[in-house]
Amino acid sequence: MLLIANYEGRSGTEQSAKLLAQRENGLRAIIEGIKIVEANHDIHTVGLSSWPNMLGELQLDASVMDGNTRRTGAVGALRGFKHPVEVAYSIMQELSHEILVGEGAERFAREIGAIISKNETETSIKGWNNFIETTLTHEQQKNFPNIRLLDIKNTAIDPEKILANSVQDQANEQAKPFDTTVYLSIDHEKRISSATSTSGWAWKYPGRLGDSPIIGAGSYADSRFGACACTHTGEMTIRAGTARSVVLYLKMGLSVADAVYEAARDLADLKTGYLDEVTIHAIDKEGNYKVVGLNSSEEIRYVVWKPGMLIPEIKSAEIINL
């Protein structure tokens, strides 16, 4: 058995590890852990209290994948529900579709009785207000939201500048632009699973989907070979099909480390975009794992649990410069 999660997902890892140790289905085990993260108001890129889009609306994405069947469920641009990862799982269970977005996803969530939640909080709205006040011109603010959003699109590329000012009264840790939450697992039956949840970029263009709900880009699981999930700039891993690529490299016989390195080189060959700090998390069917961060000047951490550990352990990813 094995559990891998990125650092921002750490608040749910003890629950997932407990369920795996109790021989729970691996996909259900990681979903239960991610639900804890979605309800954590201190993590501002997953669920409750996440940073909104340009219009101040909080849109959430999530996905799940069962490596035994390769069935998936994904949801994009979901508003007003507490646990998008649970909605994604229900899509996999209830429909022949693999992904629902926007109003259709919200209708489905209501029909299955998903927990309704106002995910915007005083903190997240304060951050968005600061974005509006510090980024838009006086004329844009006066006419907002009836303005051309394309004129402010570049400010969404680097939210750190806005975040640094938007939460001056909070701890430094809370001011950081956290990543998507990603979990990978191997359960007692050797089923390999993946699950993700995110609100995406702070101040993103309305309707933007990152890699999290795009199976094969942000995550992929195949019990015959392994699994992969990615964090940070999803636009890059969408273009490279990174998660699926890692699993295909495993299928070709590469070690988990070499599979990740090869996928990283694929990313590095992209000619435009923001590659720095993209992080690749991967496992193989034997329980080996590798986590690599790209072009980062800061430490990137992740969480691992294996049988025999009392609690999940925090480790540092390898940083490679491309």
Protein backbone atom coordinates (compact mmCIF):
# COMPACT_ATOMS: atom_id res chain seq x y z
CA MET A 1 0.00 0.00 0.00
CA LEU A 2 1.07 3.57 -0.62
CA LEU A 3 -0.21 7.15 -0.37
CA ILE A 4 1.39 10.18 -2.02
CA ALA A 5 -0.01 13.71 -1.75
CA ASN A 6 1.31 17.17 -2.37
CA TYR A 7 2.10 19.33 0.68
CA GLU A 8 -1.03 21.46 0.46
CA GLY A 9 -3.07 18.27 0.80
CA ARG A 10 -1.44 17.28 4.06
CA SER A 11 -4.43 18.00 6.30
CA GLY A 12 -6.31 15.03 4.83
CA THR A 13 -3.49 12.51 4.57
CA GLU A 14 -3.86 10.98 8.03
CA GLN A 15 -7.49 10.11 7.26
CA SER A 16 -6.58 8.59 3.90
CA ALA A 17 -3.73 6.61 5.45
CA LYS A 18 -6.03 5.34 8.20
CA LEU A 19 -8.59 4.14 5.65
CA LEU A 20 -5.94 2.47 3.50
CA ALA A 21 -4.61 0.68 6.59
CA GLN A 22 -8.16 -0.49 7.28
CA ARG A 23 -8.24 -2.01 3.77
CA GLU A 24 -10.69 0.52 2.37
CA ASN A 25 -11.03 0.91 -1.38
CA GLY A 26 -8.09 3.12 -2.35
CA LEU A 27 -10.09 5.61 -4.37
CA ARG A 28 -12.60 6.13 -1.56
CA ALA A 29 -9.72 6.50 0.89
CA ILE A 30 -8.13 9.36 -1.01
CA ILE A 31 -11.47 11.04 -1.70
CA GLU A 32 -12.15 11.17 2.05
CA GLY A 33 -8.77 12.80 2.61
CA ILE A 34 -9.30 15.37 -0.11
CA LYS A 35 -12.70 16.28 1.34
CA ILE A 36 -10.92 17.38 4.52
CA VAL A 37 -8.69 19.66 2.43
CA GLU A 38 -11.71 21.05 0.55
CA ALA A 39 -13.22 22.09 3.90
CA ASN A 40 -9.96 23.67 5.15
CA HIS A 41 -10.33 27.47 4.97
CA ASP A 42 -6.56 27.98 5.32
CA ILE A 43 -5.82 26.46 1.90
CA HIS A 44 -6.82 29.06 -0.67
CA THR A 45 -6.72 26.98 -3.86
CA VAL A 46 -9.01 24.13 -2.84
CA GLY A 47 -12.68 24.32 -1.87
CA LEU A 48 -13.73 26.65 0.93
CA SER A 49 -12.16 30.15 0.97
CA SER A 50 -10.29 29.73 -2.30
CA TRP A 51 -9.31 32.71 -4.42
CA PRO A 52 -12.10 33.63 -6.89
CA ASN A 53 -11.93 34.31 -10.61
CA MET A 54 -11.78 37.81 -12.14
CA LEU A 55 -15.48 38.36 -11.47
CA GLY A 56 -15.26 37.34 -7.82
CA GLU A 57 -16.91 33.94 -8.45
CA LEU A 58 -15.40 30.80 -6.99
CA GLN A 59 -15.30 28.00 -9.57
CA LEU A 60 -13.98 24.58 -8.53
CA ASP A 61 -12.56 21.63 -10.48
CA ALA A 62 -11.92 18.02 -9.44
CA SER A 63 -11.30 14.56 -10.84
CA VAL A 64 -11.02 10.91 -9.82
CA MET A 65 -9.70 7.83 -11.61
CA ASP A 66 -9.90 4.12 -10.80
CA GLY A 67 -6.80 2.44 -12.19
CA ASN A 68 -8.45 -0.97 -12.38
CA THR A 69 -11.21 0.05 -14.77
CA ARG A 70 -9.69 3.31 -16.06
CA ARG A 71 -13.08 4.90 -15.43
CA THR A 72 -12.90 8.55 -14.54
CA GLY A 73 -15.12 11.29 -13.24
CA ALA A 74 -14.35 14.98 -13.50
CA VAL A 75 -16.09 18.26 -12.81
CA GLY A 76 -15.17 21.75 -13.95
CA ALA A 77 -16.23 25.32 -13.11
CA LEU A 78 -18.52 24.05 -10.33
CA ARG A 79 -20.07 26.71 -8.09
CA GLY A 80 -21.77 26.44 -4.72
CA PHE A 81 -20.93 22.91 -3.56
CA LYS A 82 -18.72 21.80 -0.69
CA HIS A 83 -17.00 18.75 -2.15
CA PRO A 84 -16.31 18.83 -5.90
CA VAL A 85 -14.24 15.63 -5.58
CA GLU A 86 -17.36 13.80 -4.37
CA VAL A 87 -19.34 15.19 -7.30
CA ALA A 88 -16.60 13.94 -9.65
CA TYR A 89 -16.84 10.47 -8.08
CA SER A 90 -20.63 10.47 -8.53
CA ILE A 91 -20.22 11.34 -12.20
CA MET A 92 -18.07 8.23 -12.54
CA GLN A 93 -20.63 6.14 -10.66
CA GLU A 94 -23.90 7.49 -12.08
CA LEU A 95 -23.23 8.51 -15.68
CA SER A 96 -21.66 7.16 -18.82
CA HIS A 97 -19.94 10.54 -19.19
CA GLU A 98 -16.48 11.32 -17.87
CA ILE A 99 -16.72 15.08 -17.28
CA LEU A 100 -19.38 17.71 -16.58
CA VAL A 101 -18.82 21.46 -16.39
CA GLY A 102 -20.60 24.66 -15.41
CA GLU A 103 -24.39 24.71 -15.16
CA GLY A 104 -24.70 21.06 -16.16
CA ALA A 105 -22.32 20.03 -13.38
CA GLU A 106 -24.30 22.13 -10.90
CA ARG A 107 -27.59 20.56 -11.99
CA PHE A 108 -26.10 17.10 -11.56
CA ALA A 109 -24.77 18.03 -8.11
CA ARG A 110 -28.22 19.14 -7.02
CA GLU A 111 -29.82 15.96 -8.38
CA ILE A 112 -27.50 13.71 -6.37
CA GLY A 113 -27.99 15.77 -3.22
CA ALA A 114 -24.41 17.07 -3.02
CA ILE A 115 -23.74 19.34 -0.03
CA ILE A 116 -24.44 22.96 -0.93
CA SER A 117 -21.92 25.48 0.34
CA LYS A 118 -21.14 29.16 -0.02
CA ASN A 119 -17.40 28.74 -0.50
CA GLU A 120 -16.61 32.44 -0.73
CA THR A 121 -15.49 33.78 2.65
CA GLU A 122 -14.56 37.15 4.07
CA THR A 123 -10.91 36.29 3.46
CA SER A 124 -11.33 35.24 -0.16
CA ILE A 125 -13.53 38.20 -1.03
CA LYS A 126 -11.08 40.56 0.67
CA GLY A 127 -8.31 39.13 -1.51
CA TRP A 128 -10.41 39.59 -4.63
CA ASN A 129 -11.34 43.16 -3.66
CA ASN A 130 -7.66 43.94 -3.24
CA PHE A 131 -6.99 42.48 -6.69
CA ILE A 132 -9.65 44.78 -8.17
CA GLU A 133 -8.38 47.84 -6.32
CA THR A 134 -4.71 47.32 -7.09
CA THR A 135 -4.98 46.05 -10.66
CA LEU A 136 -7.85 47.81 -12.43
CA THR A 137 -7.73 51.42 -13.51
CA HIS A 138 -10.20 53.89 -12.01
CA GLU A 139 -12.25 53.76 -15.23
CA GLN A 140 -12.29 49.95 -15.20
CA GLN A 141 -13.39 49.88 -11.56
CA LYS A 142 -16.19 52.36 -12.28
CA ASN A 143 -17.59 50.22 -15.11
CA PHE A 144 -16.85 46.79 -13.59
CA PRO A 145 -17.92 44.12 -14.43
CA ASN A 146 -18.98 45.53 -17.81
CA ILE A 147 -15.42 45.84 -19.04
CA ARG A 148 -13.16 43.91 -21.39
CA LEU A 149 -11.62 41.26 -19.13
CA LEU A 150 -8.95 40.53 -21.72
CA ASP A 151 -7.39 43.86 -20.84
CA ILE A 152 -6.49 42.52 -17.39
CA LYS A 153 -5.73 38.89 -18.30
CA ASN A 154 -1.98 39.13 -17.68
CA THR A 155 -2.47 39.99 -14.01
CA ALA A 156 -3.88 36.51 -13.45
CA ILE A 157 -0.65 34.90 -14.61
CA ASP A 158 1.26 35.86 -11.48
CA PRO A 159 -1.09 36.03 -8.49
CA GLU A 160 1.74 36.24 -5.97
CA LYS A 161 2.06 40.02 -6.34
CA ILE A 162 -1.62 40.48 -5.61
CA LEU A 163 -1.71 37.92 -2.82
CA ALA A 164 1.18 39.55 -1.03
CA ASN A 165 -0.97 42.68 -0.63
CA SER A 166 -4.36 41.03 -0.23
CA VAL A 167 -3.70 39.29 3.06
CA GLN A 168 -1.38 41.64 4.91
CA ASP A 169 -3.14 40.89 8.18
CA GLN A 170 -2.64 37.13 7.87
CA ALA A 171 0.31 34.87 8.53
CA ASN A 172 2.86 34.58 5.74
CA GLU A 173 2.00 30.93 5.26
CA GLN A 174 -1.59 31.83 4.41
CA ALA A 175 -0.48 34.45 1.92
CA LYS A 176 1.19 31.91 -0.37
CA PRO A 177 -0.62 30.84 -3.55
CA PHE A 178 -1.06 27.15 -2.72
CA ASP A 179 -1.28 24.41 -5.34
CA THR A 180 -3.94 22.01 -6.51
CA THR A 181 -4.43 19.10 -4.11
CA VAL A 182 -3.42 15.75 -5.64
CA TYR A 183 -3.50 12.26 -4.09
CA LEU A 184 -2.22 8.94 -5.47
CA SER A 185 -2.71 5.57 -3.78
CA ILE A 186 -2.17 1.82 -3.96
CA ASP A 187 -4.59 -0.16 -1.81
CA HIS A 188 -4.53 -3.68 -0.36
CA GLU A 189 -5.88 -5.12 -3.62
CA LYS A 190 -3.13 -3.33 -5.59
CA ARG A 191 -5.69 -0.96 -7.11
CA ILE A 192 -4.00 2.29 -8.11
CA SER A 193 -6.09 5.46 -7.86
CA SER A 194 -5.75 9.19 -8.35
CA ALA A 195 -7.84 12.18 -7.29
CA THR A 196 -7.49 15.96 -7.54
CA SER A 197 -9.31 19.08 -6.37
CA THR A 198 -8.64 22.76 -6.99
CA SER A 199 -10.00 26.25 -7.53
CA GLY A 200 -7.26 26.92 -10.05
CA TRP A 201 -5.42 30.18 -10.62
CA ALA A 202 -6.29 33.13 -8.46
CA TRP A 203 -8.23 35.74 -10.47
CA LYS A 204 -8.48 33.43 -13.48
CA TYR A 205 -10.57 34.26 -16.55
CA PRO A 206 -14.13 32.98 -15.89
CA GLY A 207 -14.62 29.42 -17.13
CA ARG A 208 -10.92 28.57 -17.16
CA LEU A 209 -10.12 24.89 -16.66
CA GLY A 210 -6.65 23.84 -15.64
CA ASP A 211 -5.23 20.36 -15.81
CA SER A 212 -6.98 19.00 -12.70
CA PRO A 213 -10.23 17.91 -14.42
CA ILE A 214 -8.42 16.92 -17.62
CA ILE A 215 -7.62 13.22 -17.30
CA GLY A 216 -4.20 12.49 -18.80
CA ALA A 217 -2.94 16.01 -18.17
CA GLY A 218 -3.30 16.63 -14.44
CA SER A 219 -3.71 13.03 -13.34
CA TYR A 220 -3.86 9.46 -14.61
CA ALA A 221 -3.98 6.03 -12.96
CA ASP A 222 -3.50 2.56 -14.44
CA SER A 223 -3.13 -0.34 -12.00
CA ARG A 224 -1.04 -2.24 -14.54
CA PHE A 225 1.74 0.35 -14.44
CA GLY A 226 1.34 3.30 -12.04
CA ALA A 227 -0.08 6.78 -11.66
CA CYS A 228 0.85 10.42 -11.92
CA ALA A 229 -0.57 13.78 -10.82
CA CYS A 230 0.71 17.30 -11.41
CA THR A 231 0.48 20.64 -9.65
CA HIS A 232 1.05 24.31 -10.46
CA THR A 233 0.62 25.64 -14.02
CA GLY A 234 -1.93 23.28 -15.58
CA GLU A 235 -1.72 24.93 -18.97
CA MET A 236 1.73 23.38 -19.39
CA THR A 237 0.79 19.82 -18.42
CA ILE A 238 -2.32 20.01 -20.60
CA ARG A 239 -0.14 20.81 -23.61
CA ALA A 240 2.28 17.97 -22.84
CA GLY A 241 -0.25 15.39 -21.62
CA THR A 242 2.11 14.95 -18.69
CA ALA A 243 0.25 12.54 -16.40
CA ARG A 244 -0.57 10.08 -19.16
CA SER A 245 2.95 10.41 -20.55
CA VAL A 246 4.50 9.34 -17.26
CA VAL A 247 2.30 6.23 -17.14
CA LEU A 248 3.12 5.41 -20.76
CA TYR A 249 6.83 5.71 -20.00
CA LEU A 250 6.28 3.27 -17.13
CA LYS A 251 4.53 0.93 -19.58
CA MET A 252 7.58 1.16 -21.84
CA GLY A 253 9.72 -0.17 -18.99
CA LEU A 254 11.28 3.01 -17.58
CA SER A 255 11.75 3.32 -13.83
CA VAL A 256 9.43 5.74 -12.08
CA ALA A 257 12.28 8.27 -11.76
CA ASP A 258 13.25 8.01 -15.43
CA ALA A 259 9.58 8.25 -16.47
CA VAL A 260 9.25 11.51 -14.56
CA TYR A 261 12.49 12.88 -15.98
CA GLU A 262 11.37 12.06 -19.52
CA ALA A 263 8.02 13.78 -18.97
CA ALA A 264 9.87 16.78 -17.55
CA ARG A 265 11.95 16.99 -20.72
CA ASP A 266 8.73 16.93 -22.74
CA LEU A 267 7.53 19.93 -20.75
CA ALA A 268 10.83 21.73 -21.20
CA ASP A 269 10.47 21.43 -24.97
CA LEU A 270 7.35 23.62 -24.94
CA LYS A 271 8.25 26.95 -26.50
CA THR A 272 6.09 29.33 -24.47
CA GLY A 273 4.35 29.42 -21.11
CA TYR A 274 5.25 29.33 -17.43
CA LEU A 275 7.04 26.10 -16.49
CA ASP A 276 8.60 27.06 -13.17
CA GLU A 277 7.41 25.10 -10.13
CA VAL A 278 5.35 22.57 -12.09
CA THR A 279 5.61 19.47 -9.89
CA ILE A 280 5.19 15.88 -11.05
CA HIS A 281 4.12 13.22 -8.52
CA ALA A 282 4.38 9.61 -9.71
CA ILE A 283 4.17 6.05 -8.39
CA ASP A 284 4.64 2.65 -10.01
CA LYS A 285 2.81 -0.60 -9.34
CA GLU A 286 5.62 -1.85 -7.09
CA GLY A 287 5.20 1.04 -4.67
CA ASN A 288 8.17 3.09 -5.84
CA TYR A 289 7.59 6.83 -6.11
CA LYS A 290 9.21 10.00 -7.38
CA VAL A 291 8.29 13.67 -6.94
CA VAL A 292 10.11 16.30 -8.99
CA GLY A 293 9.70 20.08 -9.08
CA LEU A 294 10.83 22.09 -12.08
CA ASN A 295 12.91 25.27 -11.98
CA SER A 296 12.02 26.17 -8.41
CA SER A 297 14.15 28.41 -6.19
CA GLU A 298 12.25 27.22 -3.12
CA GLU A 299 11.79 23.85 -1.46
CA ILE A 300 8.83 21.82 -2.71
CA ARG A 301 7.45 19.31 -0.22
CA TYR A 302 5.08 16.37 -0.44
CA VAL A 303 3.58 13.73 1.84
CA VAL A 304 4.12 9.98 1.78
CA TRP A 305 2.63 7.11 3.79
CA LYS A 306 3.42 3.40 3.65
CA PRO A 307 2.44 0.58 6.01
CA GLY A 308 4.56 0.71 9.16
CA MET A 309 4.48 4.50 9.37
CA LEU A 310 2.54 5.81 12.37
CA ILE A 311 1.63 8.98 10.48
CA PRO A 312 2.35 10.27 6.97
CA GLU A 313 5.79 11.81 6.53
CA ILE A 314 6.72 15.06 4.83
CA LYS A 315 9.57 14.85 2.32
CA SER A 316 11.30 17.24 -0.06
CA ALA A 317 10.94 16.85 -3.81
CA GLU A 318 13.93 16.75 -6.12
CA ILE A 319 14.34 20.07 -7.93
CA ILE A 320 15.59 19.98 -11.50
CA ASN A 321 16.36 22.94 -13.73
CA LEU A 322 15.40 22.69 -17.37
